Amino acid sequence: MNPTPNPSRSWTRVFSVIVTLALGFGLLALSTGREETTAQAAAVYKLAPETGQKWFKGNLHTHSLWSDGDDYPEMIALWYRDRDYDFLAYTDHNVAQDFEKWIDVEKSKGGMNAFDKLTAKFPDGWIEQRTREDRLEVRLKRFDELFAKLSVPGEFLLMRGEEISDRFGKYPIHLNASNIQEALPPIGGESVYDAIQNNVDAVLAQRDRTGQPIMIHLNHPNFGYGVTAEDLAPVRGENFFEVYNGHPGVNNSGNAQNASTERIWDIILTQRIDTLDLPLMYGLATDDGHNYHKIPSRGSEPGRGWVMVLADELSPHALIAALEAGQFYSSSGVSLKTVVATTAAYKIEVEPEEGIEYRIEFVGTRQGYDPESRPVVDKDGNEIRATRIYSDEIGQVLKSVDGTSAEYAFDAKDLYVRARVTSTQKHPNPSEVGEFERAWAQPVPGPAGRK
């Protein structure tokens, strides 16, 4: 095997939507995310394509010329559709692609290069352009127009999203809302935690008011090192974050003073299960694509990370229900065949590629861990704002297996267990130098975490 993956992570304790499973599994009704429920006695968690359900591959973080991307939204949709993605959420900053917007072609981030590609692909009168003060302008298509033109029922789904881009002081705070019905302005707050909670509450209010499922997730916590584990752990109604983001500037692996996103995940899971009585925090992989014209490069490009969702059908309701029930895994290249958890064991099977080897690691925290922590300090001994330093007993590797399948027998003291798979295949277009293809299976409560 090649070097082991980034530091371990764990998962939180309680499901916001409970999956009750027998031979197959069925989804219960969507939770609004406002009422936190404790994990009920689900004897089996099974992630396998049975009883008519299908795997759907998708990306939940995408930027276009509606904000700071460098390509037209229809071209981005075709990029994903032509590469066998099943769904894509547009998540431009603080807009929902729902008004008339004209841009100067040459001054846009894509310039004439992007415009020429657009006109070559859509020569049939689709493009609206005009000249104002001798400048060529083009109208960006609204989401409803893009959906009608490019979605294919049962094959490819576009979802309206928004990256709610806020900050507290110098610290960026970005949350994605997928299937949003109208744009929500960033609200701010008295702290990073407060700003996250305020924006989450605003999304949940729209969800309640419209009756439409809207999924909320926290983006790239290590972008500007804006969000710590302690900021995110107590947030209510927000049960997803990006454990992997394909942008090369978001510091997935952290640094000497800041925890990796996987380490942040384990700390959050442990606190939510053991002290906060909050639902599990699920880990997403996303692209955060901005750059579409020179692939591969060191820009923020499509195709680096995605989710594989097991759902009844390709619709926002079915996808969000499955995601909120944990019926998915995240990937930067590794495919999984099955993930099964009984009350006795957690099992995982990889869909192998010829000539590639795999390491499967089960990660978790056990009851009786040392809960103490200390602040991170600079070279002069001054405390800096960062995720605190905790014992290695939080998010430890409980078992490691080289192979395409592995089983972990629960210890009575396990609070939760999650699984990570790392291959010997280097990522063809990595967000970080030397990155190997991986997959992250979602956490389940261990015996000590089932209440």
Protein backbone atom coordinates (compact mmCIF):
# COMPACT_ATOMS: atom_id res chain seq x y z
CA MET A 1 0.00 0.00 0.00
CA ASN A 2 0.95 3.60 -0.57
CA PRO A 3 0.91 6.06 2.32
CA THR A 4 -2.12 6.03 4.58
CA PRO A 5 -4.85 8.65 4.17
CA ASN A 6 -5.27 11.94 5.95
CA PRO A 7 -6.00 11.93 9.70
CA SER A 8 -9.05 10.00 10.80
CA ARG A 9 -12.60 11.20 11.13
CA SER A 10 -15.73 10.11 12.81
CA TRP A 11 -19.43 10.53 12.60
CA THR A 12 -22.12 11.89 14.80
CA ARG A 13 -24.70 10.05 16.68
CA VAL A 14 -28.29 10.65 15.95
CA PHE A 15 -30.12 10.55 12.61
CA SER A 16 -32.23 13.57 11.69
CA VAL A 17 -34.19 11.21 9.46
CA ILE A 18 -34.26 7.56 10.64
CA VAL A 19 -33.82 4.68 8.26
CA THR A 20 -35.77 1.57 9.17
CA LEU A 21 -34.52 -1.42 7.26
CA ALA A 22 -35.34 -5.06 6.86
CA LEU A 23 -34.24 -6.96 3.78
CA GLY A 24 -34.09 -3.74 1.88
CA PHE A 25 -34.64 -0.32 3.30
CA GLY A 26 -37.26 2.36 3.05
CA LEU A 27 -37.16 6.08 3.71
CA LEU A 28 -39.39 7.70 6.25
CA ALA A 29 -40.81 11.17 5.72
CA LEU A 30 -38.43 14.10 5.54
CA SER A 31 -37.58 15.85 8.77
CA THR A 32 -37.52 19.61 8.69
CA GLY A 33 -34.21 19.53 10.55
CA ARG A 34 -35.73 21.60 13.39
CA GLU A 35 -36.70 18.66 15.60
CA GLU A 36 -33.70 16.59 16.61
CA THR A 37 -34.54 12.91 17.05
CA THR A 38 -32.57 10.18 18.78
CA ALA A 39 -31.44 7.10 16.88
CA GLN A 40 -34.18 4.52 17.06
CA ALA A 41 -33.61 0.79 17.14
CA ALA A 42 -32.75 0.28 13.49
CA ALA A 43 -31.29 -3.21 13.45
CA VAL A 44 -29.69 -2.82 10.03
CA TYR A 45 -28.21 -0.01 7.94
CA LYS A 46 -27.79 -1.20 4.39
CA LEU A 47 -26.37 0.75 1.49
CA ALA A 48 -26.84 -1.56 -1.49
CA PRO A 49 -28.86 -1.20 -4.72
CA GLU A 50 -31.87 -3.35 -3.88
CA THR A 51 -35.68 -3.12 -4.06
CA GLY A 52 -35.65 -0.88 -7.14
CA GLN A 53 -33.37 1.80 -5.75
CA LYS A 54 -30.51 3.18 -7.84
CA TRP A 55 -27.18 4.89 -7.40
CA PHE A 56 -27.20 8.53 -8.49
CA LYS A 57 -23.92 10.44 -8.90
CA GLY A 58 -24.00 14.16 -8.26
CA ASN A 59 -22.21 17.36 -7.33
CA LEU A 60 -23.66 19.80 -4.79
CA HIS A 61 -21.24 22.73 -5.20
CA THR A 62 -20.87 24.53 -8.54
CA HIS A 63 -20.16 28.10 -9.68
CA SER A 64 -20.92 29.79 -12.99
CA LEU A 65 -20.79 33.28 -14.49
CA TRP A 66 -23.74 34.09 -12.25
CA SER A 67 -21.04 34.67 -9.60
CA ASP A 68 -17.33 33.83 -9.75
CA GLY A 69 -17.20 30.88 -12.13
CA ASP A 70 -15.70 31.28 -15.60
CA ASP A 71 -18.29 29.50 -17.76
CA TYR A 72 -21.95 29.72 -18.72
CA PRO A 73 -24.32 27.59 -16.64
CA GLU A 74 -25.57 25.62 -19.66
CA MET A 75 -22.00 24.63 -20.58
CA ILE A 76 -21.34 23.53 -17.01
CA ALA A 77 -24.49 21.40 -17.03
CA LEU A 78 -23.37 19.73 -20.25
CA TRP A 79 -19.92 19.04 -18.77
CA TYR A 80 -21.51 16.99 -15.99
CA ARG A 81 -24.27 15.46 -18.08
CA ASP A 82 -21.80 14.26 -20.73
CA ARG A 83 -19.70 12.57 -18.03
CA ASP A 84 -22.54 10.47 -16.64
CA TYR A 85 -23.41 12.55 -13.60
CA ASP A 86 -27.06 12.21 -12.66
CA PHE A 87 -27.58 15.52 -10.87
CA LEU A 88 -25.99 18.91 -10.36
CA ALA A 89 -26.79 21.80 -8.03
CA TYR A 90 -25.89 25.34 -9.14
CA THR A 91 -24.67 27.15 -6.02
CA ASP A 92 -23.56 30.63 -7.03
CA HIS A 93 -22.76 33.14 -4.29
CA ASN A 94 -25.84 34.85 -2.82
CA VAL A 95 -27.98 34.43 -5.97
CA ALA A 96 -30.54 31.88 -7.10
CA GLN A 97 -30.38 32.52 -10.87
CA ASP A 98 -33.92 33.91 -10.82
CA PHE A 99 -33.72 37.41 -12.34
CA GLU A 100 -32.60 39.06 -15.58
CA LYS A 101 -28.84 39.47 -15.70
CA TRP A 102 -26.73 40.69 -18.61
CA ILE A 103 -22.93 40.49 -18.62
CA ASP A 104 -20.21 42.09 -20.69
CA VAL A 105 -18.79 39.16 -22.68
CA GLU A 106 -15.18 40.31 -22.84
CA LYS A 107 -15.04 41.54 -19.24
CA SER A 108 -16.53 38.34 -17.84
CA LYS A 109 -14.25 35.73 -16.27
CA GLY A 110 -14.76 33.47 -19.28
CA GLY A 111 -14.13 36.18 -21.86
CA MET A 112 -14.57 35.54 -25.60
CA ASN A 113 -13.24 32.01 -25.19
CA ALA A 114 -16.23 30.94 -23.11
CA PHE A 115 -18.66 32.83 -25.35
CA ASP A 116 -17.31 31.22 -28.52
CA LYS A 117 -17.73 27.77 -26.97
CA LEU A 118 -21.29 28.64 -25.97
CA THR A 119 -22.28 29.82 -29.44
CA ALA A 120 -20.73 26.73 -31.03
CA LYS A 121 -22.73 24.44 -28.74
CA PHE A 122 -26.01 26.40 -28.97
CA PRO A 123 -26.29 27.80 -32.52
CA ASP A 124 -30.10 27.60 -32.64
CA GLY A 125 -31.22 30.99 -31.31
CA TRP A 126 -30.94 30.01 -27.66
CA ILE A 127 -28.43 32.78 -26.87
CA GLU A 128 -29.68 36.33 -26.32
CA GLN A 129 -27.14 39.05 -26.99
CA ARG A 130 -27.10 42.79 -27.49
CA THR A 131 -24.66 45.66 -28.00
CA ARG A 132 -24.58 48.54 -25.54
CA GLU A 133 -22.07 51.36 -25.92
CA ASP A 134 -20.20 49.20 -28.42
CA ARG A 135 -19.87 46.37 -25.90
CA LEU A 136 -21.20 42.87 -26.58
CA GLU A 137 -23.47 41.63 -23.79
CA VAL A 138 -25.21 38.30 -23.29
CA ARG A 139 -28.10 37.45 -21.01
CA LEU A 140 -27.45 34.68 -18.54
CA LYS A 141 -30.23 32.13 -18.56
CA ARG A 142 -32.42 31.84 -15.46
CA PHE A 143 -32.63 28.54 -13.62
CA ASP A 144 -36.13 27.78 -14.92
CA GLU A 145 -34.86 28.15 -18.49
CA LEU A 146 -31.81 26.00 -17.81
CA PHE A 147 -33.92 23.31 -16.17
CA ALA A 148 -36.34 23.15 -19.10
CA LYS A 149 -33.52 23.02 -21.65
CA LEU A 150 -31.04 20.67 -20.04
CA SER A 151 -32.67 18.41 -17.46
CA VAL A 152 -33.65 14.97 -18.76
CA PRO A 153 -36.39 13.21 -16.74
CA GLY A 154 -34.97 10.15 -15.01
CA GLU A 155 -31.49 10.78 -16.42
CA PHE A 156 -30.14 14.20 -15.46
CA LEU A 157 -31.48 16.64 -12.87
CA LEU A 158 -30.56 20.27 -12.30
CA MET A 159 -31.25 21.72 -8.85
CA ARG A 160 -31.37 25.38 -7.90
CA GLY A 161 -28.97 26.16 -5.10
CA GLU A 162 -27.22 29.06 -3.44
CA GLU A 163 -23.93 29.47 -1.62
CA ILE A 164 -24.92 31.77 1.21
CA SER A 165 -21.64 33.60 1.64
CA ASP A 166 -21.29 35.31 5.00
CA ARG A 167 -18.51 36.15 7.44
CA PHE A 168 -17.78 37.08 11.02
CA GLY A 169 -14.97 39.59 11.11
CA LYS A 170 -12.25 38.19 8.86
CA TYR A 171 -13.59 34.63 8.98
CA PRO A 172 -15.56 33.39 5.94
CA ILE A 173 -18.71 31.37 6.58
CA HIS A 174 -20.27 29.72 3.54
CA LEU A 175 -23.28 27.41 3.49
CA ASN A 176 -24.91 25.73 0.52
CA ALA A 177 -28.67 25.38 0.25
CA SER A 178 -29.68 22.85 -2.41
CA ASN A 179 -33.17 23.02 -3.94
CA ILE A 180 -33.63 26.52 -2.56
CA GLN A 181 -36.76 28.25 -3.81
CA GLU A 182 -35.54 31.84 -3.62
CA ALA A 183 -32.29 33.54 -2.69
CA LEU A 184 -31.56 34.25 0.95
CA PRO A 185 -29.20 37.07 1.93
CA PRO A 186 -26.46 36.33 4.48
CA ILE A 187 -27.60 37.31 7.97
CA GLY A 188 -24.43 37.49 10.04
CA GLY A 189 -24.25 37.08 13.79
CA GLU A 190 -22.39 37.77 17.02
CA SER A 191 -19.90 34.93 16.44
CA VAL A 192 -19.03 32.34 13.82
CA TYR A 193 -21.37 29.87 15.49
CA ASP A 194 -24.13 32.46 15.70
CA ALA A 195 -23.80 33.40 12.03
CA ILE A 196 -23.98 29.74 10.98
CA GLN A 197 -27.05 29.13 13.14
CA ASN A 198 -28.81 32.28 11.90
CA ASN A 199 -28.32 31.33 8.26
CA VAL A 200 -29.38 27.74 8.91
CA ASP A 201 -32.54 28.99 10.62
CA ALA A 202 -33.34 31.18 7.60
CA VAL A 203 -33.05 28.22 5.23
CA LEU A 204 -35.17 26.04 7.50
CA ALA A 205 -37.80 28.79 7.65
CA GLN A 206 -37.98 28.82 3.84
CA ARG A 207 -38.24 25.04 3.88
CA ASP A 208 -41.10 25.18 6.37
CA ARG A 209 -42.87 27.97 4.49
CA THR A 210 -42.63 26.45 1.01
CA GLY A 211 -43.04 22.80 1.95
CA GLN A 212 -40.11 21.98 -0.33
CA PRO A 213 -37.11 19.91 0.82
CA ILE A 214 -33.99 22.06 1.04
CA MET A 215 -30.68 20.55 2.07
CA ILE A 216 -28.19 22.68 3.99
CA HIS A 217 -24.49 21.98 4.28
CA LEU A 218 -21.47 23.85 5.57
CA ASN A 219 -18.82 24.43 2.93
CA HIS A 220 -15.03 24.06 3.28
CA PRO A 221 -14.52 24.82 7.01
CA ASN A 222 -10.80 25.38 6.41
CA PHE A 223 -11.29 28.06 3.77
CA GLY A 224 -9.56 30.98 5.49
CA TYR A 225 -9.67 28.69 8.53
CA GLY A 226 -12.98 30.33 9.25
CA VAL A 227 -14.91 27.53 10.99
CA THR A 228 -13.66 25.35 13.84
CA ALA A 229 -15.04 22.08 15.15
CA GLU A 230 -16.30 23.97 18.20
CA ASP A 231 -18.20 26.44 15.96
CA LEU A 232 -20.00 23.76 13.96
CA ALA A 233 -20.66 21.00 16.50
CA PRO A 234 -23.54 22.73 18.38
CA VAL A 235 -25.40 24.01 15.29
CA ARG A 236 -28.95 22.67 15.11
CA GLY A 237 -30.64 21.76 11.84
CA GLU A 238 -27.36 21.53 9.88
CA ASN A 239 -26.12 17.95 9.64
CA PHE A 240 -23.73 18.02 6.65
CA PHE A 241 -20.32 19.48 5.91
CA GLU A 242 -17.68 19.12 3.23
CA VAL A 243 -15.08 16.62 4.34
CA TYR A 244 -13.61 16.93 0.83
CA ASN A 245 -13.77 20.02 -1.36
CA GLY A 246 -12.00 20.07 -4.73
CA HIS A 247 -10.87 23.70 -4.55
CA PRO A 248 -7.07 23.81 -4.08
CA GLY A 249 -7.36 26.77 -1.70
CA VAL A 250 -9.59 25.30 1.00
CA ASN A 251 -6.95 23.41 3.02
CA ASN A 252 -8.64 20.02 3.42
CA SER A 253 -5.52 18.65 5.11
CA GLY A 254 -5.11 21.61 7.47
CA ASN A 255 -1.62 22.64 8.59
CA ALA A 256 0.59 22.64 11.66
CA GLN A 257 -1.86 24.83 13.60
CA ASN A 258 -5.21 23.89 12.06
CA ALA A 259 -6.92 20.52 12.09
CA SER A 260 -7.76 18.71 8.86
CA THR A 261 -11.39 18.44 7.85
CA GLU A 262 -11.34 14.76 8.85
CA ARG A 263 -10.07 15.65 12.31
CA ILE A 264 -12.77 18.31 12.59
CA TRP A 265 -15.35 15.69 11.63
CA ASP A 266 -14.28 13.28 14.38
CA ILE A 267 -14.33 15.98 17.05
CA ILE A 268 -17.81 17.06 15.98
CA LEU A 269 -19.13 13.50 15.92
CA THR A 270 -17.75 12.75 19.36
CA GLN A 271 -19.21 15.90 20.91
CA ARG A 272 -22.59 15.49 19.24
CA ILE A 273 -22.95 11.91 20.41
CA ASP A 274 -21.47 12.17 23.87
CA THR A 275 -22.42 15.62 25.15
CA LEU A 276 -24.64 17.59 22.76
CA ASP A 277 -27.34 15.00 21.94
CA LEU A 278 -27.47 16.15 18.31
CA PRO A 279 -27.79 14.20 15.05
CA LEU A 280 -24.91 12.70 13.13
CA MET A 281 -22.83 15.01 10.99
CA TYR A 282 -22.46 13.59 7.48
CA GLY A 283 -19.43 14.17 5.27
CA LEU A 284 -19.80 15.32 1.65
CA ALA A 285 -17.34 15.41 -1.24
CA THR A 286 -17.85 18.24 -3.74
CA ASP A 287 -16.12 19.99 -6.63
CA ASP A 288 -16.61 23.66 -5.83
CA GLY A 289 -15.91 24.16 -9.53
CA HIS A 290 -14.97 27.62 -10.79
CA ASN A 291 -12.65 26.94 -13.73
CA TYR A 292 -13.76 24.97 -16.79
CA HIS A 293 -11.47 25.89 -19.68
CA LYS A 294 -8.14 24.27 -18.87
CA ILE A 295 -8.48 20.86 -17.25
CA PRO A 296 -6.36 19.64 -15.57
CA SER A 297 -4.67 22.62 -13.98
CA ARG A 298 -4.24 24.05 -10.52
CA GLY A 299 -7.56 25.85 -10.62
CA SER A 300 -10.83 24.83 -8.98
CA GLU A 301 -12.17 22.44 -11.56
CA PRO A 302 -15.03 19.97 -12.00
CA GLY A 303 -14.72 16.21 -11.50
CA ARG A 304 -12.71 16.06 -8.28
CA GLY A 305 -15.31 15.03 -5.71
CA TRP A 306 -18.91 13.81 -5.69
CA VAL A 307 -21.60 11.97 -3.77
CA MET A 308 -23.17 8.64 -4.70
CA VAL A 309 -26.75 8.62 -3.45
CA LEU A 310 -28.95 5.52 -3.21
CA ALA A 311 -32.50 6.71 -3.85
CA ASP A 312 -35.86 5.65 -5.25
CA GLU A 313 -35.85 8.13 -8.10
CA LEU A 314 -34.04 11.11 -9.55
CA SER A 315 -35.92 13.99 -7.93
CA PRO A 316 -35.08 16.64 -5.32
CA HIS A 317 -37.45 15.01 -2.82
CA ALA A 318 -35.96 11.53 -3.20
CA LEU A 319 -32.33 12.67 -3.28
CA ILE A 320 -32.61 14.93 -0.24
CA ALA A 321 -34.53 12.26 1.68
CA ALA A 322 -31.78 9.75 0.94
CA LEU A 323 -29.00 12.19 1.82
CA GLU A 324 -30.64 13.12 5.11
CA ALA A 325 -30.99 9.42 5.94
CA GLY A 326 -27.27 8.87 5.30
CA GLN A 327 -27.98 6.73 2.25
CA PHE A 328 -24.92 7.84 0.34
CA TYR A 329 -21.17 7.79 0.29
CA SER A 330 -18.70 10.45 -0.78
CA SER A 331 -15.86 9.90 -3.21
CA SER A 332 -12.87 11.42 -4.95
CA GLY A 333 -12.43 8.34 -7.15
CA VAL A 334 -13.12 5.11 -5.23
CA SER A 335 -16.42 3.29 -5.85
CA LEU A 336 -18.14 1.27 -3.15
CA LYS A 337 -20.34 -1.76 -3.73
CA THR A 338 -22.03 -2.10 -0.34
CA VAL A 339 -21.96 -0.62 3.15
CA VAL A 340 -23.80 -2.62 5.81
CA ALA A 341 -24.07 -2.07 9.55
CA THR A 342 -25.83 -4.48 11.89
CA THR A 343 -25.97 -4.18 15.65
CA ALA A 344 -22.86 -6.36 15.72
CA ALA A 345 -20.63 -5.17 12.87
CA TYR A 346 -19.87 -2.61 10.16
CA LYS A 347 -19.03 -4.12 6.75
CA ILE A 348 -17.81 -2.45 3.58
CA GLU A 349 -17.08 -3.75 0.09
CA VAL A 350 -15.23 -1.85 -2.64
CA GLU A 351 -16.03 -1.95 -6.36
CA PRO A 352 -12.43 -2.67 -7.40
CA GLU A 353 -10.50 -1.48 -10.43
CA GLU A 354 -7.95 -3.79 -12.00
CA GLY A 355 -4.43 -3.22 -10.76
CA ILE A 356 -5.50 -0.98 -7.88
CA GLU A 357 -5.11 -1.84 -4.19
CA TYR A 358 -7.23 -0.51 -1.35
CA ARG A 359 -6.90 0.20 2.36
CA ILE A 360 -10.13 0.20 4.37
CA GLU A 361 -10.01 1.95 7.74
CA PHE A 362 -12.69 2.00 10.41
CA VAL A 363 -12.52 5.17 12.48
CA GLY A 364 -14.30 6.04 15.71
CA THR A 365 -14.26 7.16 19.32
CA ARG A 366 -14.86 4.91 22.30
CA GLN A 367 -16.58 5.64 25.56
CA GLY A 368 -14.07 6.59 28.25
CA TYR A 369 -11.97 8.74 25.90
CA ASP A 370 -10.16 11.73 27.34
CA PRO A 371 -12.47 14.73 26.66
CA GLU A 372 -9.95 17.41 27.68
CA SER A 373 -8.55 19.82 25.12
CA ARG A 374 -6.12 22.69 24.96
CA PRO A 375 -5.90 25.74 22.72
CA VAL A 376 -3.53 26.11 19.80
CA VAL A 377 -0.84 28.71 20.48
CA ASP A 378 1.63 30.58 18.30
CA LYS A 379 5.42 30.61 18.71
CA ASP A 380 5.09 33.24 21.46
CA GLY A 381 2.58 31.17 23.43
CA ASN A 382 -0.43 33.30 22.45
CA GLU A 383 -3.68 31.47 21.81
CA ILE A 384 -4.88 31.54 18.20
CA ARG A 385 -8.35 30.89 16.86
CA ALA A 386 -8.31 27.28 15.65
CA THR A 387 -9.90 23.93 16.41
CA ARG A 388 -8.59 22.92 19.83
CA ILE A 389 -6.16 20.05 20.38
CA TYR A 390 -7.79 16.85 21.66
CA SER A 391 -6.62 13.40 22.64
CA ASP A 392 -5.79 10.89 19.90
CA GLU A 393 -8.52 8.74 21.48
CA ILE A 394 -10.97 10.90 19.53
CA GLY A 395 -11.25 9.61 15.97
CA GLN A 396 -8.78 6.77 16.27
CA VAL A 397 -8.30 4.10 13.61
CA LEU A 398 -10.01 1.09 15.16
CA LYS A 399 -9.13 -1.37 12.42
CA SER A 400 -7.26 -1.26 9.10
CA VAL A 401 -7.53 -3.84 6.33
CA ASP A 402 -5.75 -4.01 2.98
CA GLY A 403 -8.16 -5.46 0.46
CA THR A 404 -11.49 -4.92 -1.28
CA SER A 405 -13.72 -5.86 1.65
CA ALA A 406 -13.54 -5.60 5.42
CA GLU A 407 -15.63 -6.10 8.52
CA TYR A 408 -15.34 -4.40 11.90
CA ALA A 409 -16.97 -6.03 14.95
CA PHE A 410 -18.32 -3.32 17.24
CA ASP A 411 -16.75 -2.91 20.64
CA ALA A 412 -19.23 -2.31 23.44
CA LYS A 413 -17.61 1.10 24.07
CA ASP A 414 -17.84 2.41 20.49
CA LEU A 415 -19.69 5.72 20.31
CA TYR A 416 -19.67 5.74 16.50
CA VAL A 417 -17.80 4.19 13.60
CA ARG A 418 -17.21 5.45 10.08
CA ALA A 419 -15.16 4.03 7.23
CA ARG A 420 -12.61 5.51 4.86
CA VAL A 421 -11.16 3.79 1.79
CA THR A 422 -7.91 4.92 0.18
CA SER A 423 -6.64 3.47 -3.09
CA THR A 424 -3.13 3.25 -4.51
CA GLN A 425 -4.38 5.26 -7.51
CA LYS A 426 -3.30 8.89 -7.44
CA HIS A 427 -6.05 11.38 -8.20
CA PRO A 428 -5.74 12.39 -11.88
CA ASN A 429 -6.50 16.04 -11.10
CA PRO A 430 -5.95 16.51 -7.38
CA SER A 431 -6.89 19.44 -5.20
CA GLU A 432 -3.73 18.80 -3.18
CA VAL A 433 -0.37 17.53 -4.46
CA GLY A 434 0.09 13.79 -4.04
CA GLU A 435 -3.56 13.08 -3.30
CA PHE A 436 -4.84 9.49 -3.60
CA GLU A 437 -8.38 8.57 -4.65
CA ARG A 438 -10.62 7.92 -1.66
CA ALA A 439 -14.16 7.22 -0.50
CA TRP A 440 -15.87 8.08 2.77
CA ALA A 441 -18.74 5.94 4.10
CA GLN A 442 -21.09 7.65 6.52
CA PRO A 443 -20.96 7.15 10.31
CA VAL A 444 -23.22 4.89 12.33
CA PRO A 445 -23.74 4.82 16.10
CA GLY A 446 -21.80 2.16 17.97
CA PRO A 447 -23.23 0.24 20.95
CA ALA A 448 -22.31 3.03 23.38
CA GLY A 449 -23.85 5.67 21.09
CA ARG A 450 -27.26 4.02 20.75
CA LYS A 451 -29.70 5.48 23.23
